Structures are given as structure tokens and as C-alpha cells.
Amino acid sequence: MSSDSNSCSSSSDGEPFIYESDDDGWATYTEDYCFDALILMRENDPGVTALYASGSFEHIQEMTDEDWVQFGRDISHNDYLYDLNLYETLDDRKTALFFQGLTRSNTLKRINIVNNGIGVSGIQSMIPFLSNSNLVSLCLEGLDEIKPLRFSLLFQALHNSPIERLDCNDCSLDSIEIDSNIIPKYLKRLALAGNCIDAEGCREVAKLLQKQDPTLISLNLNGNKIDDEGVSVLVSALQNNTSLKKLDVSQNNDITSKGGGLLLKLVNDISSIKATMQSNHTLQAIVLPELDDDYEHYIFDALRFNFEYYPRRPGPLKVKCTQLHSGQRAVMCRLQGVEQSNAALYKHIDPFILPEVLSLVGRIHGQGELFVAFLSSIAGLISTVNREEYLEEQKAFYEAKLKAINADLAAIRNAKSETATLENDQHSRKRLRQI
């Protein structure tokens, strides 16, 4: 089956299929097209690699219990089907019947089950198939309810599978439970948008980010009940994470400027040069809730450095562009609740490389910033001088010099004494000869 705009597959970038029902002509054509595809799939036609079924289709509405079991069997016996999309077709009973027939598939890689009336028992009936599947993408979107226990079972079923993407958007999840020992090994993208996940849920999600050798690169928590505490949990989990590249926490209306400051600190900690260097340099996109423009601006700047320069040198660039610019640093300190002190900043710079740092400030930020840096560094240098140690060094130096001088004087005096003695001896011998 071709993959043009009228095909029955998911989109090329892996996003769940979006059913457009405004155009009646298109919908009628799609039903006929997909009915034909269903017949060809049953005949194991190699041209059918994707299948789409909607609850609005007449042939779907007329399916009996036996038909649903047979539908699953047909897919189990098919050698070419890659994509399966079910839109508003299933309830718990039909799901159980369908997966009674669908016990295995060597070719099926993506399943999208969208806006179906599936609850706890429906999810339970999928587990045997999922435990032995070769799926790389599973979308369970708009289901009635997934209990925390069933979510854990879902993860357990997918633990050893090649699953890379799991979407559980709009599934009435108010909490989740994740066992760190049964996390899907290859999971890269997790979407839990439109649920009711709060700070406690964030603690469970954090397990995915803190596990050894994390694999998650995209996490979508859009439209939940995450507040500043939840943000703090996620930020803590991401401090040392080197896998996640995209985080979506938009439309979480309880996140305030405090949460914005935590996210900014995550990607560019302004509290010290060392802290900046140790910030998260992996994240490349954060979809934010409604925050002040300053937060968005500085978070975006840090993420831009991560995107353009990871893994080579985003840290040094963040230092150059924010730590070494008094204006940028002042704003960043305000946003992160950090006390600003330019003198304290330069105090921790090795005096031996300070001239090079000052030259860098002048080249990048201009003479005005160079002047500010110079005044700040002078104060820092003065504060680091150990006067007592300096005087002790000077004393030792001059004591050594004095010792050397005394030795020279003694040598000169000895030479003079020997000369005088020699002259006296010569004078005495001369007088004896005269007598």
C-alpha cells in the first residue's frame, strides 16, 4: 500500500494518525479504501503494510464477536503488516476478543489505539501480546482510564521488547507507578500528556531519567498538574542525565516563576563558573508553560548553545556569554535567586590566567565590560593576597641575601688580614738582612 496523503498509515515522522472527518468525500473514500485494504491483508497481500479502522466505518460497526477474534488472527498470520491504526473502534470486550486472536506478529511494528473506550480490563487483555511483540511504537491515546498498577504491568510487558516509543496521552492517569527493574530497555520517547500527573508522579518518571545508562530522549508531560515541586523533582533527576534532549512541561498552569528559575538553573547555573560548567548540556528543547519573557529568553539561549555545540563546548560558551558579561549575569542572578557579586566571581579565577580572561572579555563584550571586569578582578586579587605569607617570603629572601653579604665581607676581611701578615713578614726579613 502506498503512503500518500490518503493512505491508512501513521505519519512518516511516527506521530499518531490524526483522523480528519470534516471532509465527507475524503472520509467516504477512506472507508472504501481501508475496507479493500482489510480484504487484501487477509489474503496476505505484500502491498498492504498499513491498516486503518474507524468506528465510523459501517463494516467495523457490523463486526461480531467472532469477527473481532478473526481480525486478530488474520493479523497474526500476516507476513507484511507493519502499521495498525484503530480509531474509536474498541471497548473492553472488543479489545479482549481482538487480542484473543492477535497473539503474535513478526512484522507489526506500530500500533495506534486512539480515542477508544478501553479501561483497566482492556489493558490487561493486551499484556500477553505485548510481552512477545516486536513493536517499536505503541500509542494508547484517549483511553478511559489506566490505573497505576496497569501502567506498571504495561512497562513490565514491554521490558524486553524493542519498544522505543510509548504514548499514553489523555488516559486519565492521576498517578503512575514505575518499577526501576522493569523499565523498557530501549524506550526513547514517552508521552504522558493530558493526564493528572503531579509531583508524586514526577518522582516516578524521574526513575527513567536516573537509571543507569538512561535511554529516554523525549519526555512529554504537557497538560498535567505539575507544580514547582514537580519541576524541582525533574530538574534534580536531570542534573546528571545525558540522554534527554526534549522536555515538554507546557500547559502545567501551577508552574510559577520559581519553577522557571529552576529550569533556567538546570541548563545554565549562574551561581559560579564551576556550576555553569556542570550544568545540563544535553537538553536541546524545553516546551515551557506561560512564564515571563526573561525566563524563556535565557532558557532558549542556553538550549541553543546545547543544540549547536554539544558535546564539544557548550559549557565554556555559557561562561563567556553570561558569567563574563555583568549585565547578563545580573539578570541571570535575579531570575535564579542568586546573590550577585562580580568580585566573588573573579576571586576564583587563577591570577596567572586573569590577563587572558580580561582580554577575552574585551574582545567579546567590548571596552565597557572590560572596565567592569578589571575593577572586579582588582578587588578579587586584593582579597586573595596573604600579607603575612608575603612578608615571611620577603624576610627569608633578605635573610639569605644578608647571609651571602656577610660571607662576602668575611672573605674580604680574611684576604686583607692575610695580605697584612705577608707584608709584615717581608718587612721583618728585610731588616734582618740590613743588620
Protein backbone atom coordinates (compact mmCIF):
# COMPACT_ATOMS: atom_id res chain seq x y z
CA MET A 1 0.00 0.00 0.00
CA SER A 2 1.35 3.42 -0.87
CA SER A 3 1.95 6.04 1.80
CA ASP A 4 0.42 9.06 0.09
CA SER A 5 -1.92 11.51 1.82
CA ASN A 6 -4.88 9.10 1.51
CA SER A 7 -3.14 6.06 2.94
CA CYS A 8 -4.17 4.40 6.19
CA SER A 9 -0.81 4.57 7.96
CA SER A 10 0.60 6.79 10.63
CA SER A 11 2.58 9.84 9.56
CA SER A 12 6.18 9.45 8.36
CA ASP A 13 7.70 11.01 11.48
CA GLY A 14 5.99 8.48 13.71
CA GLU A 15 3.28 10.80 15.10
CA PRO A 16 -0.08 9.12 15.79
CA PHE A 17 -2.54 9.15 12.91
CA ILE A 18 -4.89 12.15 13.09
CA TYR A 19 -8.32 11.46 11.64
CA GLU A 20 -9.82 14.40 9.73
CA SER A 21 -13.59 13.99 9.45
CA ASP A 22 -14.59 17.43 8.17
CA ASP A 23 -14.36 16.40 4.51
CA ASP A 24 -17.14 13.88 3.91
CA GLY A 25 -15.80 12.93 0.49
CA TRP A 26 -12.40 12.10 1.96
CA ALA A 27 -13.98 10.09 4.79
CA THR A 28 -16.12 8.06 2.37
CA TYR A 29 -13.08 7.36 0.19
CA THR A 30 -11.05 6.34 3.23
CA GLU A 31 -13.67 3.82 4.34
CA ASP A 32 -13.78 2.14 0.93
CA TYR A 33 -10.03 2.25 0.66
CA CYS A 34 -9.47 0.73 4.09
CA PHE A 35 -12.11 -1.95 3.58
CA ASP A 36 -10.28 -3.06 0.45
CA ALA A 37 -7.01 -2.98 2.39
CA LEU A 38 -8.57 -5.20 5.07
CA ILE A 39 -9.57 -7.81 2.46
CA LEU A 40 -6.10 -7.75 0.89
CA MET A 41 -4.46 -8.04 4.32
CA ARG A 42 -6.45 -11.22 4.98
CA GLU A 43 -5.09 -12.58 1.68
CA ASN A 44 -1.54 -11.78 2.89
CA ASP A 45 -1.02 -9.28 0.09
CA PRO A 46 2.55 -7.89 0.34
CA GLY A 47 1.30 -4.49 -0.82
CA VAL A 48 -0.63 -3.91 2.41
CA THR A 49 1.74 -2.75 5.13
CA ALA A 50 -0.62 -0.38 6.96
CA LEU A 51 -4.21 -0.69 8.08
CA TYR A 52 -6.66 1.88 9.44
CA ALA A 53 -10.05 1.24 11.02
CA SER A 54 -12.54 3.76 12.41
CA GLY A 55 -15.61 3.20 14.50
CA SER A 56 -17.50 5.34 12.00
CA PHE A 57 -16.96 2.74 9.25
CA GLU A 58 -20.00 0.58 8.56
CA HIS A 59 -18.06 -2.67 8.20
CA ILE A 60 -16.44 -2.05 11.60
CA GLN A 61 -19.81 -1.36 13.26
CA GLU A 62 -21.20 -4.64 11.89
CA MET A 63 -18.37 -6.85 13.19
CA THR A 64 -19.47 -9.65 15.52
CA ASP A 65 -17.53 -11.08 18.45
CA GLU A 66 -16.26 -13.86 16.18
CA ASP A 67 -15.23 -11.26 13.61
CA TRP A 68 -13.05 -9.45 16.17
CA VAL A 69 -11.28 -12.68 17.13
CA GLN A 70 -10.76 -13.48 13.46
CA PHE A 71 -9.47 -9.96 12.79
CA GLY A 72 -6.76 -10.59 15.35
CA ARG A 73 -5.93 -13.99 13.86
CA ASP A 74 -5.66 -12.52 10.37
CA ILE A 75 -3.05 -10.05 11.60
CA SER A 76 -1.20 -12.81 13.46
CA HIS A 77 -0.92 -14.80 10.24
CA ASN A 78 0.02 -11.85 8.04
CA ASP A 79 3.63 -11.50 6.92
CA TYR A 80 3.67 -7.87 5.77
CA LEU A 81 1.56 -5.66 8.05
CA TYR A 82 3.71 -3.01 9.72
CA ASP A 83 1.23 -0.35 10.92
CA LEU A 84 -2.13 -0.79 12.68
CA ASN A 85 -4.35 2.22 13.49
CA LEU A 86 -7.63 1.79 15.41
CA TYR A 87 -9.68 4.94 15.94
CA GLU A 88 -12.83 4.85 18.12
CA THR A 89 -13.32 1.15 17.44
CA LEU A 90 -12.75 -0.69 20.71
CA ASP A 91 -14.20 -1.12 24.17
CA ASP A 92 -13.01 -3.56 26.84
CA ARG A 93 -14.96 -6.50 25.42
CA LYS A 94 -13.87 -5.97 21.81
CA THR A 95 -10.29 -5.43 22.95
CA ALA A 96 -10.30 -8.76 24.78
CA LEU A 97 -11.71 -10.52 21.71
CA PHE A 98 -9.29 -8.85 19.32
CA PHE A 99 -6.23 -9.74 21.39
CA GLN A 100 -7.57 -13.23 21.90
CA GLY A 101 -6.92 -13.65 18.20
CA LEU A 102 -3.86 -11.40 17.98
CA THR A 103 -1.35 -13.47 19.92
CA ARG A 104 1.76 -12.77 17.87
CA SER A 105 3.09 -10.85 14.88
CA ASN A 106 6.56 -10.93 13.38
CA THR A 107 6.06 -7.84 11.25
CA LEU A 108 3.84 -5.44 13.23
CA LYS A 109 5.96 -2.53 14.47
CA ARG A 110 3.48 0.25 15.27
CA ILE A 111 0.05 0.18 16.89
CA ASN A 112 -2.01 3.34 17.41
CA ILE A 113 -5.17 2.87 19.50
CA VAL A 114 -6.77 6.31 19.71
CA ASN A 115 -9.95 7.51 21.45
CA ASN A 116 -11.22 4.07 22.34
CA GLY A 117 -13.35 3.19 25.36
CA ILE A 118 -10.73 0.92 26.88
CA GLY A 119 -10.31 0.67 30.63
CA VAL A 120 -8.38 -1.50 33.05
CA SER A 121 -9.61 -4.89 31.78
CA GLY A 122 -8.93 -3.90 28.17
CA ILE A 123 -5.34 -3.01 29.01
CA GLN A 124 -4.97 -6.29 30.87
CA SER A 125 -6.06 -8.26 27.78
CA MET A 126 -3.26 -6.67 25.71
CA ILE A 127 -0.47 -7.79 28.05
CA PRO A 128 0.14 -11.31 26.61
CA PHE A 129 0.58 -9.94 23.08
CA LEU A 130 2.73 -7.02 24.17
CA SER A 131 5.02 -9.33 26.17
CA ASN A 132 6.01 -11.17 22.98
CA SER A 133 5.71 -8.39 20.40
CA ASN A 134 8.27 -6.72 18.18
CA LEU A 135 6.62 -3.30 18.48
CA VAL A 136 8.81 -0.21 18.34
CA SER A 137 5.89 2.23 18.81
CA LEU A 138 2.70 1.92 20.86
CA CYS A 139 0.14 4.70 21.15
CA LEU A 140 -2.68 4.26 23.69
CA GLU A 141 -4.29 7.68 23.47
CA GLY A 142 -7.60 8.91 24.83
CA LEU A 143 -8.43 5.73 26.73
CA ASP A 144 -10.97 5.76 29.55
CA GLU A 145 -8.57 5.02 32.37
CA ILE A 146 -5.20 3.39 33.03
CA LYS A 147 -4.72 2.59 36.71
CA PRO A 148 -1.21 2.95 38.19
CA LEU A 149 -0.96 -0.84 38.58
CA ARG A 150 -1.87 -1.39 34.94
CA PHE A 151 0.73 1.16 33.85
CA SER A 152 3.33 -0.83 35.78
CA LEU A 153 2.13 -4.03 34.07
CA LEU A 154 2.37 -2.26 30.73
CA PHE A 155 6.01 -1.44 31.43
CA GLN A 156 6.63 -4.99 32.59
CA ALA A 157 5.14 -6.40 29.39
CA LEU A 158 7.35 -4.16 27.28
CA HIS A 159 10.50 -4.66 29.38
CA ASN A 160 12.31 -6.97 26.96
CA SER A 161 10.62 -5.73 23.79
CA PRO A 162 12.30 -3.41 21.25
CA ILE A 163 9.72 -0.69 22.08
CA GLU A 164 11.18 2.78 21.56
CA ARG A 165 8.07 4.94 21.78
CA LEU A 166 5.12 4.81 24.18
CA ASP A 167 2.27 7.33 24.14
CA CYS A 168 -0.34 7.31 26.92
CA ASN A 169 -1.87 10.73 26.39
CA ASP A 170 -5.32 11.65 27.76
CA CYS A 171 -5.69 8.37 29.67
CA SER A 172 -6.98 9.80 32.98
CA LEU A 173 -3.73 8.94 34.73
CA ASP A 174 -3.70 10.68 38.11
CA SER A 175 -0.66 8.75 39.29
CA ILE A 176 1.79 6.21 37.94
CA GLU A 177 3.99 3.52 39.40
CA ILE A 178 7.31 2.60 37.79
CA ASP A 179 9.46 -0.29 38.94
CA SER A 180 13.09 0.60 38.20
CA ASN A 181 13.83 -3.07 37.49
CA ILE A 182 11.29 -3.46 34.68
CA ILE A 183 11.74 -0.29 32.65
CA PRO A 184 11.61 -0.99 28.89
CA LYS A 185 15.24 -1.35 27.90
CA TYR A 186 15.11 0.63 24.67
CA LEU A 187 12.44 3.24 25.42
CA LYS A 188 13.40 6.58 23.84
CA ARG A 189 10.15 8.58 23.74
CA LEU A 190 7.47 8.69 26.42
CA ALA A 191 4.36 10.86 26.15
CA LEU A 192 2.04 11.25 29.16
CA ALA A 193 0.30 14.47 28.11
CA GLY A 194 -3.20 15.43 29.18
CA ASN A 195 -3.27 13.39 32.37
CA CYS A 196 -3.28 14.43 36.03
CA ILE A 197 0.34 13.71 36.96
CA ASP A 198 1.61 15.78 39.89
CA ALA A 199 4.86 15.96 41.90
CA GLU A 200 4.47 12.37 43.10
CA GLY A 201 4.08 11.24 39.50
CA CYS A 202 7.21 13.20 38.62
CA ARG A 203 9.12 11.18 41.23
CA GLU A 204 8.13 8.02 39.40
CA VAL A 205 9.03 9.47 36.00
CA ALA A 206 12.39 10.55 37.45
CA LYS A 207 13.33 6.87 37.72
CA LEU A 208 13.53 6.76 33.92
CA LEU A 209 15.99 9.65 33.94
CA GLN A 210 18.17 8.44 36.80
CA LYS A 211 18.61 4.80 35.85
CA GLN A 212 21.99 3.56 34.77
CA ASP A 213 22.58 4.19 31.07
CA PRO A 214 19.30 6.09 30.51
CA THR A 215 17.75 5.81 27.04
CA LEU A 216 14.93 8.38 27.14
CA ILE A 217 15.46 11.27 24.68
CA SER A 218 11.97 12.81 24.71
CA LEU A 219 9.52 13.26 27.61
CA ASN A 220 6.11 14.87 27.09
CA LEU A 221 4.30 15.92 30.28
CA ASN A 222 2.14 18.59 28.67
CA GLY A 223 -1.16 19.47 30.31
CA ASN A 224 -0.79 17.70 33.67
CA LYS A 225 -0.88 19.01 37.26
CA ILE A 226 2.83 19.61 37.70
CA ASP A 227 3.80 22.49 40.00
CA ASP A 228 7.12 23.95 41.14
CA GLU A 229 7.74 20.93 43.38
CA GLY A 230 7.30 18.65 40.38
CA VAL A 231 9.71 20.79 38.37
CA SER A 232 12.23 20.54 41.20
CA VAL A 233 11.98 16.74 41.09
CA LEU A 234 12.54 16.65 37.33
CA VAL A 235 15.41 19.15 37.49
CA SER A 236 17.15 17.08 40.19
CA ALA A 237 16.80 13.96 38.03
CA LEU A 238 18.22 15.77 35.00
CA GLN A 239 21.30 17.19 36.73
CA ASN A 240 23.47 14.28 35.62
CA ASN A 241 21.30 12.91 32.83
CA THR A 242 22.99 12.78 29.41
CA SER A 243 20.21 11.27 27.29
CA LEU A 244 17.12 13.52 27.38
CA LYS A 245 17.02 16.10 24.59
CA LYS A 246 13.40 17.29 24.75
CA LEU A 247 11.18 18.03 27.74
CA ASP A 248 7.60 19.32 27.40
CA VAL A 249 6.03 20.77 30.56
CA SER A 250 3.75 23.26 28.80
CA GLN A 251 0.17 23.86 29.94
CA ASN A 252 1.02 22.98 33.54
CA ASN A 253 -0.53 26.11 34.98
CA ASP A 254 0.76 25.61 38.54
CA ILE A 255 4.36 26.18 37.46
CA THR A 256 5.39 29.69 38.54
CA SER A 257 8.48 31.82 38.10
CA LYS A 258 10.15 29.68 40.79
CA GLY A 259 9.85 26.68 38.51
CA GLY A 260 11.11 28.79 35.62
CA GLY A 261 14.18 29.71 37.69
CA LEU A 262 14.83 26.04 38.41
CA LEU A 263 14.65 25.14 34.72
CA LEU A 264 16.99 28.00 33.86
CA LYS A 265 19.42 26.93 36.58
CA LEU A 266 19.33 23.39 35.16
CA VAL A 267 20.70 24.47 31.79
CA ASN A 268 22.85 27.40 32.95
CA ASP A 269 23.60 27.60 36.67
CA ILE A 270 24.93 31.12 37.25
CA SER A 271 25.98 30.61 40.90
CA SER A 272 29.61 30.03 39.90
CA ILE A 273 31.78 29.30 36.90
CA LYS A 274 32.12 25.70 38.07
CA ALA A 275 28.34 25.40 38.37
CA THR A 276 27.89 26.75 34.85
CA MET A 277 30.37 24.22 33.50
CA GLN A 278 28.49 21.43 35.29
CA SER A 279 25.03 22.48 34.06
CA ASN A 280 22.97 20.21 31.82
CA HIS A 281 24.41 20.48 28.30
CA THR A 282 22.29 17.70 26.72
CA LEU A 283 18.78 19.19 26.69
CA GLN A 284 18.06 20.91 23.39
CA ALA A 285 14.38 21.78 23.75
CA ILE A 286 12.10 22.62 26.68
CA VAL A 287 8.47 23.43 25.91
CA LEU A 288 7.53 25.83 28.69
CA PRO A 289 4.32 26.90 30.41
CA GLU A 290 3.40 30.59 30.46
CA LEU A 291 6.35 32.37 32.08
CA ASP A 292 7.93 35.82 31.98
CA ASP A 293 9.77 36.53 28.74
CA ASP A 294 13.12 36.73 30.56
CA TYR A 295 12.91 33.09 31.60
CA GLU A 296 12.04 31.99 28.08
CA HIS A 297 14.82 34.13 26.59
CA TYR A 298 17.65 32.86 28.80
CA ILE A 299 16.48 29.25 28.76
CA PHE A 300 16.31 29.41 24.97
CA ASP A 301 19.84 30.85 24.81
CA ALA A 302 21.25 28.03 26.95
CA LEU A 303 19.41 25.41 24.90
CA ARG A 304 20.74 26.99 21.71
CA PHE A 305 24.29 26.52 22.97
CA ASN A 306 23.47 22.88 23.79
CA PHE A 307 21.96 22.30 20.35
CA GLU A 308 24.69 23.99 18.32
CA TYR A 309 27.78 22.96 20.25
CA TYR A 310 27.04 19.70 22.13
CA PRO A 311 29.06 17.73 23.02
CA ARG A 312 32.13 19.85 22.33
CA ARG A 313 31.91 23.10 24.27
CA PRO A 314 28.52 24.48 25.38
CA GLY A 315 29.86 24.94 28.93
CA PRO A 316 32.72 27.35 28.07
CA LEU A 317 30.42 29.31 25.76
CA LYS A 318 27.84 29.74 28.53
CA VAL A 319 30.61 31.05 30.78
CA LYS A 320 31.84 33.52 28.15
CA CYS A 321 28.41 34.85 27.25
CA THR A 322 26.79 35.03 30.69
CA GLN A 323 29.32 34.79 33.53
CA LEU A 324 31.73 37.27 31.90
CA HIS A 325 29.03 39.80 30.99
CA SER A 326 27.94 41.84 34.01
CA GLY A 327 24.54 42.77 32.55
CA GLN A 328 23.62 39.21 31.51
CA ARG A 329 24.92 37.88 34.79
CA ALA A 330 22.87 40.37 36.80
CA VAL A 331 19.63 39.28 35.11
CA MET A 332 20.50 35.60 35.43
CA CYS A 333 21.25 36.02 39.14
CA ARG A 334 17.89 37.73 39.65
CA LEU A 335 15.99 35.01 37.80
CA GLN A 336 17.74 32.22 39.71
CA GLY A 337 17.65 33.93 43.11
CA VAL A 338 21.45 34.05 43.32
CA GLU A 339 23.30 36.90 45.07
CA GLN A 340 25.32 38.80 42.50
CA SER A 341 28.98 39.64 43.18
CA ASN A 342 31.37 40.28 40.32
CA ALA A 343 34.26 40.44 42.79
CA ALA A 344 33.41 36.97 44.08
CA LEU A 345 33.32 35.70 40.51
CA TYR A 346 36.83 36.92 39.66
CA LYS A 347 38.17 35.87 43.04
CA HIS A 348 38.02 32.23 41.91
CA ILE A 349 39.91 32.83 38.66
CA ASP A 350 43.59 31.87 38.80
CA PRO A 351 45.61 35.13 38.80
CA PHE A 352 48.01 33.61 36.28
CA ILE A 353 45.25 33.38 33.63
CA LEU A 354 43.46 36.57 34.68
CA PRO A 355 45.08 38.72 31.94
CA GLU A 356 43.88 36.24 29.34
CA VAL A 357 40.37 36.31 30.81
CA LEU A 358 40.31 40.12 30.76
CA SER A 359 41.47 40.11 27.16
CA LEU A 360 38.66 37.67 26.32
CA VAL A 361 36.06 39.90 27.99
CA GLY A 362 37.27 42.88 25.98
CA ARG A 363 37.20 41.00 22.68
CA ILE A 364 33.73 39.52 23.20
CA HIS A 365 31.84 42.18 25.15
CA GLY A 366 33.72 45.42 24.48
CA GLN A 367 35.61 48.02 26.49
CA GLY A 368 32.76 48.79 28.88
CA GLU A 369 32.63 45.22 30.14
CA LEU A 370 36.43 45.10 30.21
CA PHE A 371 36.45 48.07 32.60
CA VAL A 372 33.86 46.39 34.87
CA ALA A 373 35.85 43.15 34.81
CA PHE A 374 39.10 44.97 35.57
CA LEU A 375 37.67 46.71 38.63
CA SER A 376 36.09 43.47 39.84
CA SER A 377 39.27 41.45 39.33
CA ILE A 378 41.43 44.01 41.18
CA ALA A 379 39.14 43.69 44.20
CA GLY A 380 39.33 39.94 43.91
CA LEU A 381 43.10 39.90 43.69
CA ILE A 382 43.49 42.16 46.73
CA SER A 383 41.16 39.95 48.74
CA THR A 384 43.23 36.87 47.91
CA VAL A 385 46.68 38.29 48.89
CA ASN A 386 48.11 36.71 52.07
CA ARG A 387 50.09 39.60 53.56
CA GLU A 388 51.73 37.58 56.31
CA GLU A 389 52.86 34.87 53.90
CA TYR A 390 54.20 37.52 51.54
CA LEU A 391 56.25 39.20 54.33
CA GLU A 392 57.62 35.86 55.50
CA GLU A 393 58.78 35.15 51.95
CA GLN A 394 60.40 38.58 51.76
CA LYS A 395 62.09 38.05 55.14
CA ALA A 396 63.52 34.70 54.05
CA PHE A 397 64.74 36.26 50.82
CA TYR A 398 66.57 39.11 52.54
CA GLU A 399 67.96 36.87 55.26
CA ALA A 400 69.54 34.77 52.55
CA LYS A 401 70.88 37.89 50.90
CA LEU A 402 72.29 39.13 54.24
CA LYS A 403 73.98 35.79 54.81
CA ALA A 404 75.62 36.00 51.42
CA ILE A 405 76.75 39.58 52.07
CA ASN A 406 78.23 38.62 55.44
CA ALA A 407 80.09 35.76 53.79
CA ASP A 408 81.49 38.14 51.18
CA LEU A 409 82.56 40.60 53.89
CA ALA A 410 84.26 37.85 55.88
CA ALA A 411 86.13 36.72 52.80
CA ILE A 412 87.30 40.25 52.06
CA ARG A 413 88.42 40.75 55.64
CA ASN A 414 90.31 37.45 55.68
CA ALA A 415 92.05 38.41 52.44
CA LYS A 416 93.08 41.75 53.91
CA SER A 417 94.41 40.11 57.08
CA GLU A 418 96.48 37.62 55.10
CA THR A 419 97.91 40.43 52.97
CA ALA A 420 98.90 42.47 56.04
CA THR A 421 100.61 39.46 57.63
CA LEU A 422 102.56 38.77 54.45
CA GLU A 423 103.70 42.39 54.22
CA ASN A 424 104.88 42.34 57.87
CA ASP A 425 106.86 39.16 57.30
CA GLN A 426 108.58 40.66 54.26
CA HIS A 427 109.43 43.84 56.19
CA SER A 428 110.95 41.83 59.06
CA ARG A 429 113.22 39.77 56.75
CA LYS A 430 114.44 42.94 55.03
CA ARG A 431 115.55 44.49 58.37
CA LEU A 432 117.40 41.31 59.33
CA ARG A 433 119.49 41.42 56.13
CA GLN A 434 120.45 45.03 56.78
CA ILE A 435 121.84 44.14 60.21
